[in-house]
Amino acid sequence: MVVVNGDWGQIEEIDAAFVVVRIWDLRRLVVPLSYFLQTPFENWTYKSADLLGYVYIYADYAVSVDGLR
């Protein structure tokens, strides 16, 4: 998972002249290879595809914690 210009997606293809990034809404972002050589980018899945996320649970104070788990 990489972030390129604020859009995040997966690298789908690396060619000699361009890189194709499949972004979250299934569009393809075609970026010149020189962009990745000259501009910093975020790589979120270097060793694993696991991503962190948040889950908000709005519950009453009377809810059973063991039941919620």
C-alpha atoms as a PDB file:
ATOM      1  CA  MET A   1       0.000   0.000   0.000  1.00  0.00           C
ATOM      2  CA  VAL A   2       1.554   3.310  -1.064  1.00  0.00           C
ATOM      3  CA  VAL A   3       0.439   6.929  -0.851  1.00  0.00           C
ATOM      4  CA  VAL A   4       1.107   9.003  -3.984  1.00  0.00           C
ATOM      5  CA  ASN A   5      -0.031  12.646  -4.115  1.00  0.00           C
ATOM      6  CA  GLY A   6      -2.549  12.029  -1.346  1.00  0.00           C
ATOM      7  CA  ASP A   7      -4.120   8.983  -3.053  1.00  0.00           C
ATOM      8  CA  TRP A   8      -3.438   5.565  -1.551  1.00  0.00           C
ATOM      9  CA  GLY A   9      -3.420   2.317  -3.435  1.00  0.00           C
ATOM     10  CA  GLN A  10      -1.494  -0.765  -4.476  1.00  0.00           C
ATOM     11  CA  ILE A  11       1.261  -0.959  -7.044  1.00  0.00           C
ATOM     12  CA  GLU A  12      -0.227  -2.918  -9.924  1.00  0.00           C
ATOM     13  CA  GLU A  13       2.495  -2.690 -12.561  1.00  0.00           C
ATOM     14  CA  ILE A  14       6.052  -1.372 -12.812  1.00  0.00           C
ATOM     15  CA  ASP A  15       7.235  -0.624 -16.339  1.00  0.00           C
ATOM     16  CA  ALA A  16      10.436   0.953 -17.677  1.00  0.00           C
ATOM     17  CA  ALA A  17       8.673   4.321 -18.094  1.00  0.00           C
ATOM     18  CA  PHE A  18       5.714   4.332 -15.671  1.00  0.00           C
ATOM     19  CA  VAL A  19       4.137   2.774 -12.577  1.00  0.00           C
ATOM     20  CA  VAL A  20       0.432   1.907 -12.373  1.00  0.00           C
ATOM     21  CA  VAL A  21      -1.148   2.402  -8.945  1.00  0.00           C
ATOM     22  CA  ARG A  22      -4.646   0.973  -8.380  1.00  0.00           C
ATOM     23  CA  ILE A  23      -6.139   3.482  -5.957  1.00  0.00           C
ATOM     24  CA  TRP A  24      -8.831   2.806  -3.356  1.00  0.00           C
ATOM     25  CA  ASP A  25     -11.807   3.543  -5.635  1.00  0.00           C
ATOM     26  CA  LEU A  26     -10.486   1.090  -8.278  1.00  0.00           C
ATOM     27  CA  ARG A  27      -9.214   3.773 -10.650  1.00  0.00           C
ATOM     28  CA  ARG A  28      -5.714   3.438 -12.089  1.00  0.00           C
ATOM     29  CA  LEU A  29      -3.169   6.184 -11.468  1.00  0.00           C
ATOM     30  CA  VAL A  30      -0.375   6.092 -14.067  1.00  0.00           C
ATOM     31  CA  VAL A  31       2.710   7.825 -12.686  1.00  0.00           C
ATOM     32  CA  PRO A  32       6.029   8.319 -14.478  1.00  0.00           C
ATOM     33  CA  LEU A  33       8.801   6.175 -13.004  1.00  0.00           C
ATOM     34  CA  SER A  34      10.851   9.345 -12.511  1.00  0.00           C
ATOM     35  CA  TYR A  35       8.268  10.472  -9.915  1.00  0.00           C
ATOM     36  CA  PHE A  36       9.227   7.566  -7.622  1.00  0.00           C
ATOM     37  CA  LEU A  37      12.919   8.246  -8.175  1.00  0.00           C
ATOM     38  CA  GLN A  38      12.738  11.981  -7.398  1.00  0.00           C
ATOM     39  CA  THR A  39       9.809  12.398  -4.976  1.00  0.00           C
ATOM     40  CA  PRO A  40       9.309  10.829  -1.540  1.00  0.00           C
ATOM     41  CA  PHE A  41       6.308   8.523  -1.197  1.00  0.00           C
ATOM     42  CA  GLU A  42       4.796   6.533   1.667  1.00  0.00           C
ATOM     43  CA  ASN A  43       5.001   2.750   1.670  1.00  0.00           C
ATOM     44  CA  TRP A  44       2.690   1.262   4.322  1.00  0.00           C
ATOM     45  CA  THR A  45       3.206  -2.432   3.546  1.00  0.00           C
ATOM     46  CA  TYR A  46       6.935  -3.011   3.322  1.00  0.00           C
ATOM     47  CA  LYS A  47       6.916  -6.411   5.034  1.00  0.00           C
ATOM     48  CA  SER A  48       3.233  -7.173   5.591  1.00  0.00           C
ATOM     49  CA  ALA A  49      -0.159  -6.217   4.166  1.00  0.00           C
ATOM     50  CA  ASP A  50      -1.539  -5.618   7.671  1.00  0.00           C
ATOM     51  CA  LEU A  51      -2.796  -2.071   8.194  1.00  0.00           C
ATOM     52  CA  LEU A  52      -3.783  -0.343  11.409  1.00  0.00           C
ATOM     53  CA  GLY A  53      -7.245   1.054  11.856  1.00  0.00           C
ATOM     54  CA  TYR A  54      -9.598   2.410  14.473  1.00  0.00           C
ATOM     55  CA  VAL A  55     -12.892   1.024  15.640  1.00  0.00           C
ATOM     56  CA  TYR A  56     -15.206   3.252  17.647  1.00  0.00           C
ATOM     57  CA  ILE A  57     -17.810   1.541  19.792  1.00  0.00           C
ATOM     58  CA  TYR A  58     -20.403   3.814  21.309  1.00  0.00           C
ATOM     59  CA  ALA A  59     -21.924   1.962  24.237  1.00  0.00           C
ATOM     60  CA  ASP A  60     -23.713   2.619  27.487  1.00  0.00           C
ATOM     61  CA  TYR A  61     -21.774   2.322  30.738  1.00  0.00           C
ATOM     62  CA  ALA A  62     -23.971  -0.629  31.685  1.00  0.00           C
ATOM     63  CA  VAL A  63     -22.784  -2.794  28.770  1.00  0.00           C
ATOM     64  CA  SER A  64     -20.970  -5.999  29.731  1.00  0.00           C
ATOM     65  CA  VAL A  65     -17.298  -5.680  28.796  1.00  0.00           C
ATOM     66  CA  ASP A  66     -16.894  -9.452  28.496  1.00  0.00           C
ATOM     67  CA  GLY A  67     -19.920  -9.609  26.219  1.00  0.00           C
ATOM     68  CA  LEU A  68     -18.546  -6.757  24.124  1.00  0.00           C
ATOM     69  CA  ARG A  69     -15.203  -8.501  23.675  1.00  0.00           C
END
